[in-house]
C-alpha atoms as a PDB file:
ATOM      1  CA  MET A   1     117.264 118.264  81.516  1.00  0.00           C
ATOM      2  CA  ILE A   2     119.200 119.150  84.661  1.00  0.00           C
ATOM      3  CA  ILE A   3     119.822 122.900  84.614  1.00  0.00           C
ATOM      4  CA  THR A   4     122.155 124.809  86.933  1.00  0.00           C
ATOM      5  CA  ARG A   5     123.454 128.377  86.849  1.00  0.00           C
ATOM      6  CA  ALA A   6     127.212 128.266  86.328  1.00  0.00           C
ATOM      7  CA  GLY A   7     129.787 130.886  85.355  1.00  0.00           C
ATOM      8  CA  GLY A   8     127.173 133.410  84.272  1.00  0.00           C
ATOM      9  CA  GLY A   9     125.377 130.909  82.035  1.00  0.00           C
ATOM     10  CA  LEU A  10     123.145 127.882  82.302  1.00  0.00           C
ATOM     11  CA  ARG A  11     124.830 124.507  82.526  1.00  0.00           C
ATOM     12  CA  VAL A  12     122.675 121.803  80.961  1.00  0.00           C
ATOM     13  CA  VAL A  13     123.159 118.103  81.677  1.00  0.00           C
ATOM     14  CA  SER A  14     120.741 115.818  79.862  1.00  0.00           C
ATOM     15  CA  GLN A  15     118.941 113.089  81.763  1.00  0.00           C
ATOM     16  CA  VAL A  16     120.572 110.630  79.374  1.00  0.00           C
ATOM     17  CA  ALA A  17     124.032 111.928  80.351  1.00  0.00           C
ATOM     18  CA  HIS A  18     122.978 111.727  83.997  1.00  0.00           C
ATOM     19  CA  GLN A  19     122.042 108.053  83.653  1.00  0.00           C
ATOM     20  CA  GLU A  20     125.388 107.361  81.986  1.00  0.00           C
ATOM     21  CA  GLN A  21     127.107 108.909  85.007  1.00  0.00           C
ATOM     22  CA  CYS A  22     124.934 106.718  87.227  1.00  0.00           C
ATOM     23  CA  GLY A  23     126.187 103.702  85.310  1.00  0.00           C
ATOM     24  CA  LEU A  24     129.784 104.675  86.103  1.00  0.00           C
ATOM     25  CA  LEU A  25     128.954 104.981  89.792  1.00  0.00           C
ATOM     26  CA  ALA A  26     127.154 101.632  89.795  1.00  0.00           C
ATOM     27  CA  ALA A  27     130.150  99.962  88.139  1.00  0.00           C
ATOM     28  CA  ALA A  28     132.310 101.131  91.074  1.00  0.00           C
ATOM     29  CA  TRP A  29     129.835 100.090  93.790  1.00  0.00           C
ATOM     30  CA  GLY A  30     130.697  97.539  96.446  1.00  0.00           C
ATOM     31  CA  ASN A  31     133.246  96.768  99.163  1.00  0.00           C
ATOM     32  CA  GLU A  32     133.483  94.772 102.406  1.00  0.00           C
ATOM     33  CA  GLU A  33     130.735  96.831 104.063  1.00  0.00           C
ATOM     34  CA  PHE A  34     128.488  97.342 101.017  1.00  0.00           C
ATOM     35  CA  ALA A  35     128.153  94.017  99.221  1.00  0.00           C
ATOM     36  CA  ARG A  36     127.035  93.690  95.634  1.00  0.00           C
ATOM     37  CA  MET A  37     123.861  91.657  95.513  1.00  0.00           C
ATOM     38  CA  ASP A  38     123.131  88.700  93.269  1.00  0.00           C
ATOM     39  CA  ALA A  39     122.174  89.459  89.658  1.00  0.00           C
ATOM     40  CA  TRP A  40     124.343  92.572  89.865  1.00  0.00           C
ATOM     41  CA  ASP A  41     124.379  92.940  86.080  1.00  0.00           C
ATOM     42  CA  ALA A  42     120.651  93.711  86.239  1.00  0.00           C
ATOM     43  CA  VAL A  43     121.240  96.385  88.905  1.00  0.00           C
ATOM     44  CA  LEU A  44     124.029  97.905  86.828  1.00  0.00           C
ATOM     45  CA  THR A  45     121.928  97.923  83.662  1.00  0.00           C
ATOM     46  CA  ALA A  46     118.861  99.352  85.382  1.00  0.00           C
ATOM     47  CA  THR A  47     120.922 102.141  86.916  1.00  0.00           C
ATOM     48  CA  ALA A  48     122.438 102.997  83.545  1.00  0.00           C
ATOM     49  CA  CYS A  49     119.092 103.072  81.678  1.00  0.00           C
ATOM     50  CA  HIS A  50     116.556 104.292  84.247  1.00  0.00           C
ATOM     51  CA  ASP A  51     115.970 107.628  82.434  1.00  0.00           C
ATOM     52  CA  ALA A  52     115.910 106.348  78.857  1.00  0.00           C
ATOM     53  CA  GLY A  53     112.425 107.769  78.375  1.00  0.00           C
ATOM     54  CA  TRP A  54     113.886 111.271  78.388  1.00  0.00           C
ATOM     55  CA  ARG A  55     115.871 110.673  75.215  1.00  0.00           C
ATOM     56  CA  GLU A  56     113.136 111.703  72.780  1.00  0.00           C
ATOM     57  CA  TRP A  57     111.982 114.736  74.796  1.00  0.00           C
ATOM     58  CA  GLU A  58     115.528 116.012  75.141  1.00  0.00           C
ATOM     59  CA  GLN A  59     115.984 116.072  71.391  1.00  0.00           C
ATOM     60  CA  HIS A  60     113.475 118.971  71.326  1.00  0.00           C
ATOM     61  CA  PRO A  61     113.453 120.591  74.790  1.00  0.00           C
ATOM     62  CA  ASP A  62     110.971 123.338  75.515  1.00  0.00           C
ATOM     63  CA  VAL A  63     110.816 126.674  77.348  1.00  0.00           C
ATOM     64  CA  GLY A  64     108.373 128.011  79.907  1.00  0.00           C
ATOM     65  CA  PRO A  65     106.016 130.979  79.456  1.00  0.00           C
ATOM     66  CA  ASP A  66     108.791 133.379  80.517  1.00  0.00           C
ATOM     67  CA  GLY A  67     111.282 131.889  78.046  1.00  0.00           C
ATOM     68  CA  THR A  68     113.241 129.976  80.680  1.00  0.00           C
ATOM     69  CA  PRO A  69     114.478 126.539  79.552  1.00  0.00           C
ATOM     70  CA  ARG A  70     112.470 123.885  81.321  1.00  0.00           C
ATOM     71  CA  GLY A  71     114.375 121.451  83.477  1.00  0.00           C
ATOM     72  CA  PHE A  72     113.003 118.280  85.012  1.00  0.00           C
ATOM     73  CA  THR A  73     111.509 120.167  87.970  1.00  0.00           C
ATOM     74  CA  ASP A  74     109.533 122.523  85.697  1.00  0.00           C
ATOM     75  CA  MET A  75     107.326 119.935  84.007  1.00  0.00           C
ATOM     76  CA  ASP A  76     103.800 118.955  84.935  1.00  0.00           C
ATOM     77  CA  ILE A  77     102.763 115.517  86.132  1.00  0.00           C
ATOM     78  CA  ASP A  78     101.269 114.448  82.789  1.00  0.00           C
ATOM     79  CA  GLU A  79     104.573 115.130  80.992  1.00  0.00           C
ATOM     80  CA  HIS A  80     106.548 113.348  83.687  1.00  0.00           C
ATOM     81  CA  VAL A  81     104.316 110.299  83.618  1.00  0.00           C
ATOM     82  CA  ALA A  82     104.582 109.973  79.829  1.00  0.00           C
ATOM     83  CA  ILE A  83     108.372 110.069  80.107  1.00  0.00           C
ATOM     84  CA  HIS A  84     108.457 107.642  83.049  1.00  0.00           C
ATOM     85  CA  ARG A  85     106.211 105.248  81.143  1.00  0.00           C
ATOM     86  CA  ALA A  86     108.637 105.364  78.218  1.00  0.00           C
ATOM     87  CA  SER A  87     111.576 104.668  80.565  1.00  0.00           C
ATOM     88  CA  ALA A  88     109.876 101.555  81.932  1.00  0.00           C
ATOM     89  CA  ALA A  89     109.009 100.354  78.427  1.00  0.00           C
ATOM     90  CA  ALA A  90     112.616 100.810  77.265  1.00  0.00           C
ATOM     91  CA  ALA A  91     113.897  98.867  80.272  1.00  0.00           C
ATOM     92  CA  GLY A  92     111.852  95.864  79.188  1.00  0.00           C
ATOM     93  CA  SER A  93     114.274  95.211  76.345  1.00  0.00           C
ATOM     94  CA  HIS A  94     116.992  94.485  78.945  1.00  0.00           C
ATOM     95  CA  GLY A  95     115.185  91.703  80.765  1.00  0.00           C
ATOM     96  CA  ASP A  96     112.648  91.144  83.521  1.00  0.00           C
ATOM     97  CA  ARG A  97     114.809  92.170  86.476  1.00  0.00           C
ATOM     98  CA  VAL A  98     115.823  95.421  84.801  1.00  0.00           C
ATOM     99  CA  GLU A  99     112.215  96.254  83.961  1.00  0.00           C
ATOM    100  CA  LEU A 100     111.159  95.399  87.515  1.00  0.00           C
ATOM    101  CA  LEU A 101     113.727  97.814  89.000  1.00  0.00           C
ATOM    102  CA  VAL A 102     113.077 100.651  86.563  1.00  0.00           C
ATOM    103  CA  GLY A 103     109.349 100.144  87.065  1.00  0.00           C
ATOM    104  CA  MET A 104     109.840 100.542  90.815  1.00  0.00           C
ATOM    105  CA  HIS A 105     111.935 103.635  90.147  1.00  0.00           C
ATOM    106  CA  VAL A 106     109.337 105.391  87.998  1.00  0.00           C
ATOM    107  CA  ALA A 107     106.522 104.517  90.425  1.00  0.00           C
ATOM    108  CA  GLY A 108     108.664 105.835  93.261  1.00  0.00           C
ATOM    109  CA  LEU A 109     109.126 109.156  91.499  1.00  0.00           C
ATOM    110  CA  VAL A 110     105.441 109.914  92.053  1.00  0.00           C
ATOM    111  CA  MET A 111     105.175 108.117  95.438  1.00  0.00           C
ATOM    112  CA  ARG A 112     107.995 109.554  97.574  1.00  0.00           C
ATOM    113  CA  ARG A 113     110.428 106.903  96.421  1.00  0.00           C
ATOM    114  CA  LEU A 114     108.220 104.119  97.774  1.00  0.00           C
ATOM    115  CA  GLY A 115     108.571 105.312 101.354  1.00  0.00           C
ATOM    116  CA  ILE A 116     112.284 106.134 101.459  1.00  0.00           C
ATOM    117  CA  ASP A 117     111.432 109.837 101.711  1.00  0.00           C
ATOM    118  CA  GLY A 118     108.700 109.285 104.297  1.00  0.00           C
ATOM    119  CA  GLU A 119     105.183 107.950 104.107  1.00  0.00           C
ATOM    120  CA  ALA A 120     103.675 108.534 100.681  1.00  0.00           C
ATOM    121  CA  ALA A 121     100.247 110.078 100.306  1.00  0.00           C
ATOM    122  CA  ALA A 122      97.428 107.648  99.652  1.00  0.00           C
ATOM    123  CA  LEU A 123      97.294 106.711  95.990  1.00  0.00           C
ATOM    124  CA  ALA A 124      93.685 107.914  95.762  1.00  0.00           C
ATOM    125  CA  THR A 125      94.839 111.467  96.575  1.00  0.00           C
ATOM    126  CA  ARG A 126      97.423 111.601  93.789  1.00  0.00           C
ATOM    127  CA  PRO A 127      96.690 113.079  90.328  1.00  0.00           C
ATOM    128  CA  GLU A 128      95.044 110.737  87.861  1.00  0.00           C
ATOM    129  CA  ALA A 129      98.170 110.398  85.718  1.00  0.00           C
ATOM    130  CA  ALA A 130     100.207 109.351  88.770  1.00  0.00           C
ATOM    131  CA  ARG A 131      97.544 106.841  89.831  1.00  0.00           C
ATOM    132  CA  ASP A 132      97.507 105.322  86.376  1.00  0.00           C
ATOM    133  CA  LEU A 133     101.305 104.986  86.323  1.00  0.00           C
ATOM    134  CA  VAL A 134     101.494 103.348  89.745  1.00  0.00           C
ATOM    135  CA  THR A 135      98.661 100.951  88.867  1.00  0.00           C
ATOM    136  CA  GLU A 136     100.306 100.010  85.563  1.00  0.00           C
ATOM    137  CA  ARG A 137     103.656  99.367  87.214  1.00  0.00           C
ATOM    138  CA  ALA A 138     102.050  97.278  89.977  1.00  0.00           C
ATOM    139  CA  GLN A 139     100.377  95.111  87.347  1.00  0.00           C
ATOM    140  CA  ALA A 140     103.645  94.800  85.417  1.00  0.00           C
ATOM    141  CA  ALA A 141     105.526  93.951  88.618  1.00  0.00           C
ATOM    142  CA  ARG A 142     103.140  91.079  89.368  1.00  0.00           C
ATOM    143  CA  ARG A 143     103.714  89.696  85.876  1.00  0.00           C
ATOM    144  CA  LEU A 144     107.492  90.072  86.127  1.00  0.00           C
ATOM    145  CA  ARG A 145     107.716  88.594  89.626  1.00  0.00           C
ATOM    146  CA  THR A 146     105.683  85.579  88.522  1.00  0.00           C
ATOM    147  CA  ARG A 147     108.111  84.930  85.687  1.00  0.00           C
ATOM    148  CA  LEU A 148     111.136  85.469  87.941  1.00  0.00           C
ATOM    149  CA  GLY A 149     109.799  83.195  90.672  1.00  0.00           C
ATOM    150  CA  GLU A 150     107.740  85.072  93.239  1.00  0.00           C
ATOM    151  CA  GLY A 151     109.006  84.684  96.787  1.00  0.00           C
ATOM    152  CA  ALA A 152     110.809  86.242  99.734  1.00  0.00           C
ATOM    153  CA  ASP A 153     114.227  86.051  98.049  1.00  0.00           C
ATOM    154  CA  LEU A 154     113.087  88.012  95.013  1.00  0.00           C
ATOM    155  CA  ALA A 155     111.267  90.571  97.181  1.00  0.00           C
ATOM    156  CA  ALA A 156     114.398  91.138  99.293  1.00  0.00           C
ATOM    157  CA  TRP A 157     116.559  91.440  96.191  1.00  0.00           C
ATOM    158  CA  ALA A 158     114.229  93.919  94.474  1.00  0.00           C
ATOM    159  CA  TRP A 159     113.847  96.190  97.519  1.00  0.00           C
ATOM    160  CA  SER A 160     117.603  96.221  98.135  1.00  0.00           C
ATOM    161  CA  ALA A 161     118.491  96.755  94.483  1.00  0.00           C
ATOM    162  CA  TYR A 162     115.923  99.540  94.185  1.00  0.00           C
ATOM    163  CA  ARG A 163     117.485 101.418  97.107  1.00  0.00           C
ATOM    164  CA  VAL A 164     120.958 101.120  95.586  1.00  0.00           C
ATOM    165  CA  LEU A 165     119.566 102.603  92.369  1.00  0.00           C
ATOM    166  CA  GLN A 166     118.016 105.455  94.383  1.00  0.00           C
ATOM    167  CA  ALA A 167     121.271 106.206  96.203  1.00  0.00           C
ATOM    168  CA  ILE A 168     123.242 106.375  92.971  1.00  0.00           C
ATOM    169  CA  ASP A 169     120.554 108.439  91.233  1.00  0.00           C
ATOM    170  CA  LEU A 170     120.580 111.035  94.021  1.00  0.00           C
ATOM    171  CA  LEU A 171     124.364 111.051  94.211  1.00  0.00           C
ATOM    172  CA  SER A 172     124.513 111.929  90.518  1.00  0.00           C
ATOM    173  CA  LEU A 173     121.912 114.676  91.040  1.00  0.00           C
ATOM    174  CA  TYR A 174     124.024 115.991  93.915  1.00  0.00           C
ATOM    175  CA  LEU A 175     126.974 116.301  91.553  1.00  0.00           C
ATOM    176  CA  THR A 176     125.122 117.743  88.564  1.00  0.00           C
ATOM    177  CA  TRP A 177     122.299 119.779  90.101  1.00  0.00           C
ATOM    178  CA  ARG A 178     121.897 121.820  93.285  1.00  0.00           C
ATOM    179  CA  GLY A 179     123.855 119.933  95.914  1.00  0.00           C
ATOM    180  CA  LEU A 180     127.497 120.431  95.058  1.00  0.00           C
ATOM    181  CA  ALA A 181     126.950 123.770  93.284  1.00  0.00           C
ATOM    182  CA  SER A 182     125.405 125.177  96.484  1.00  0.00           C
ATOM    183  CA  ALA A 183     127.868 123.472  98.857  1.00  0.00           C
ATOM    184  CA  GLU A 184     124.992 121.606 100.513  1.00  0.00           C
ATOM    185  CA  GLU A 185     125.018 118.436 102.555  1.00  0.00           C
ATOM    186  CA  TRP A 186     122.627 115.739 101.372  1.00  0.00           C
ATOM    187  CA  THR A 187     121.570 112.447 102.934  1.00  0.00           C
ATOM    188  CA  LEU A 188     121.076 109.290 100.878  1.00  0.00           C
ATOM    189  CA  ARG A 189     118.592 107.376 102.993  1.00  0.00           C
ATOM    190  CA  ARG A 190     118.300 103.675 103.833  1.00  0.00           C
ATOM    191  CA  VAL A 191     121.095 102.433 101.574  1.00  0.00           C
ATOM    192  CA  PRO A 192     121.389  98.627 101.910  1.00  0.00           C
ATOM    193  CA  ARG A 193     124.693  97.044 102.874  1.00  0.00           C
ATOM    194  CA  CYS A 194     123.584  93.672 101.507  1.00  0.00           C
ATOM    195  CA  THR A 195     120.495  91.947 100.175  1.00  0.00           C
ATOM    196  CA  GLY A 196     117.883  91.831 102.904  1.00  0.00           C
ATOM    197  CA  ASP A 197     119.261  94.812 104.861  1.00  0.00           C
ATOM    198  CA  GLU A 198     115.745  96.137 105.444  1.00  0.00           C
ATOM    199  CA  GLN A 199     116.559  99.441 107.148  1.00  0.00           C
ATOM    200  CA  GLY A 200     119.896 100.121 105.485  1.00  0.00           C
ATOM    201  CA  ILE A 201     122.120 102.998 106.524  1.00  0.00           C
ATOM    202  CA  ASP A 202     122.120 106.708 105.686  1.00  0.00           C
ATOM    203  CA  LEU A 203     125.023 108.051 103.631  1.00  0.00           C
ATOM    204  CA  VAL A 204     126.061 111.695 103.940  1.00  0.00           C
ATOM    205  CA  VAL A 205     127.279 113.569 100.864  1.00  0.00           C
ATOM    206  CA  ARG A 206     129.083 116.908 101.083  1.00  0.00           C
ATOM    207  CA  PRO A 207     131.624 118.940  99.088  1.00  0.00           C
ATOM    208  CA  ALA A 208     135.191 117.670  99.293  1.00  0.00           C
ATOM    209  CA  PRO A 209     137.408 119.732 101.639  1.00  0.00           C
ATOM    210  CA  GLY A 210     138.935 122.792 100.005  1.00  0.00           C
ATOM    211  CA  ARG A 211     136.475 122.820  97.112  1.00  0.00           C
ATOM    212  CA  GLY A 212     134.312 125.652  98.395  1.00  0.00           C
ATOM    213  CA  GLU A 213     131.192 125.483  96.290  1.00  0.00           C
ATOM    214  CA  GLY A 214     132.594 122.614  94.273  1.00  0.00           C
ATOM    215  CA  ASP A 215     134.071 124.733  91.469  1.00  0.00           C
ATOM    216  CA  THR A 216     137.639 125.014  90.264  1.00  0.00           C
ATOM    217  CA  GLY A 217     136.716 127.028  87.202  1.00  0.00           C
ATOM    218  CA  PRO A 218     133.955 129.250  85.864  1.00  0.00           C
ATOM    219  CA  ASP A 219     132.357 126.352  83.974  1.00  0.00           C
ATOM    220  CA  HIS A 220     132.295 123.922  86.943  1.00  0.00           C
ATOM    221  CA  SER A 221     134.807 121.829  84.998  1.00  0.00           C
ATOM    222  CA  ALA A 222     136.218 119.985  88.013  1.00  0.00           C
ATOM    223  CA  CYS A 223     134.146 119.085  91.066  1.00  0.00           C
ATOM    224  CA  SER A 224     134.320 116.537  93.834  1.00  0.00           C
ATOM    225  CA  CYS A 225     132.348 115.397  96.854  1.00  0.00           C
ATOM    226  CA  VAL A 226     132.839 113.126  99.846  1.00  0.00           C
ATOM    227  CA  VAL A 227     130.524 110.236 100.777  1.00  0.00           C
ATOM    228  CA  GLU A 228     130.400 108.694 104.256  1.00  0.00           C
ATOM    229  CA  PRO A 229     130.119 105.794 104.982  1.00  0.00           C
ATOM    230  CA  TRP A 230     131.963 104.789 101.818  1.00  0.00           C
ATOM    231  CA  PRO A 231     130.137 102.343  99.487  1.00  0.00           C
ATOM    232  CA  PHE A 232     132.605 102.056  96.598  1.00  0.00           C
ATOM    233  CA  SER A 233     135.409  99.648  95.772  1.00  0.00           C
ATOM    234  CA  ALA A 234     138.160 102.261  95.276  1.00  0.00           C
ATOM    235  CA  PRO A 235     139.024 105.287  97.465  1.00  0.00           C
ATOM    236  CA  GLU A 236     138.126 107.637  94.622  1.00  0.00           C
ATOM    237  CA  VAL A 237     135.661 107.260  91.748  1.00  0.00           C
ATOM    238  CA  ASP A 238     135.767 109.310  88.568  1.00  0.00           C
ATOM    239  CA  ALA A 239     132.277 110.210  87.345  1.00  0.00           C
ATOM    240  CA  PRO A 240     132.601 112.471  84.286  1.00  0.00           C
ATOM    241  CA  VAL A 241     129.428 113.750  82.670  1.00  0.00           C
ATOM    242  CA  ALA A 242     128.704 115.559  79.403  1.00  0.00           C
ATOM    243  CA  SER A 243     127.183 119.044  79.566  1.00  0.00           C
ATOM    244  CA  ARG A 244     126.612 122.215  77.592  1.00  0.00           C
ATOM    245  CA  VAL A 245     126.612 125.843  78.734  1.00  0.00           C
ATOM    246  CA  ILE A 246     124.165 128.302  77.175  1.00  0.00           C
ATOM    247  CA  ASP A 247     123.324 131.942  77.824  1.00  0.00           C
ATOM    248  CA  ASP A 248     121.200 132.664  80.875  1.00  0.00           C
ATOM    249  CA  ARG A 249     118.459 134.555  79.059  1.00  0.00           C
ATOM    250  CA  PRO A 250     114.845 134.176  77.986  1.00  0.00           C
ATOM    251  CA  TYR A 251     114.459 132.084  74.819  1.00  0.00           C
ATOM    252  CA  ARG A 252     111.801 132.875  72.256  1.00  0.00           C
ATOM    253  CA  ASP A 253     110.689 129.282  71.826  1.00  0.00           C
ATOM    254  CA  ALA A 254     111.894 125.699  71.624  1.00  0.00           C
ATOM    255  CA  ASP A 255     113.647 126.334  68.319  1.00  0.00           C
ATOM    256  CA  ASP A 256     115.625 129.226  69.808  1.00  0.00           C
ATOM    257  CA  LEU A 257     116.675 127.021  72.728  1.00  0.00           C
ATOM    258  CA  GLY A 258     117.515 124.129  70.424  1.00  0.00           C
ATOM    259  CA  GLN A 259     119.760 126.351  68.313  1.00  0.00           C
ATOM    260  CA  ALA A 260     121.573 127.594  71.422  1.00  0.00           C
ATOM    261  CA  LEU A 261     122.178 124.052  72.641  1.00  0.00           C
ATOM    262  CA  GLU A 262     123.345 122.948  69.213  1.00  0.00           C
ATOM    263  CA  ALA A 263     125.782 125.865  69.015  1.00  0.00           C
ATOM    264  CA  SER A 264     127.270 125.130  72.442  1.00  0.00           C
ATOM    265  CA  PRO A 265     130.218 122.720  72.264  1.00  0.00           C
ATOM    266  CA  PRO A 266     129.827 119.786  74.643  1.00  0.00           C
ATOM    267  CA  THR A 267     132.035 119.874  77.727  1.00  0.00           C
ATOM    268  CA  ILE A 268     132.994 116.923  79.901  1.00  0.00           C
ATOM    269  CA  LEU A 269     132.680 117.827  83.564  1.00  0.00           C
ATOM    270  CA  ARG A 270     135.430 116.101  85.541  1.00  0.00           C
ATOM    271  CA  MET A 271     133.552 114.999  88.630  1.00  0.00           C
ATOM    272  CA  THR A 272     134.961 112.806  91.391  1.00  0.00           C
ATOM    273  CA  VAL A 273     133.500 111.052  94.416  1.00  0.00           C
ATOM    274  CA  ARG A 274     136.014 110.668  97.241  1.00  0.00           C
ATOM    275  CA  ARG A 275     136.261 108.745 100.490  1.00  0.00           C
ATOM    276  CA  HIS A 276     137.887 111.641 102.405  1.00  0.00           C
END
């Protein structure tokens, strides 16, 4: 779950809702400067299903020792790895390229996004659960690449497609988590402009002018940000996302939290990404 304080309560966006928003952003990707790569359907599908492993956990979310609902940053590595493993397994039903990309994504979550966020620590220094996940995904990637036709073209496609997925994933987190709510400026690093663009280009994301902290109402019901350089096909992209708002209080246990979420009517946040 993605949890943000909003209007005196806690705004909760599920990881599944987040990936649906990512799918909307991926569907709008591409223009003269940022070309869609070959096999774009696989990129689109991977972006829209990369967090599918969260679906079961989010049906019965938990609370921490102090009663605070646990978001995705509050979980230990063993829990994360189990969920990431489930996401990769679910992606396999969508084809080899989709599984390859989601597998890279989940490995990157425990390895500094495969170098995009700087040099990752040596695998041997990572917790055992993280080592196991990375090893499993490397073995799966070899199998998938063999079936897809191992070679320089596939390697260039996978690395470029992976970085597009990362850019869209972080852009959605900017909208739904800390970035826009805190009026921060984020950088989406090494975004490829075409297949084989090894270094890529950094995109800057910030609140749209006149939006202050990104809110036009107490429930964050309408928010927008600006992205430069602009990677989308239209000058403005609608990216609505489902959320719930619950009381900002300690919860007795998972059942108490579940009842609060069930009692909260879902709200569609009207979020927009703009060129200017």
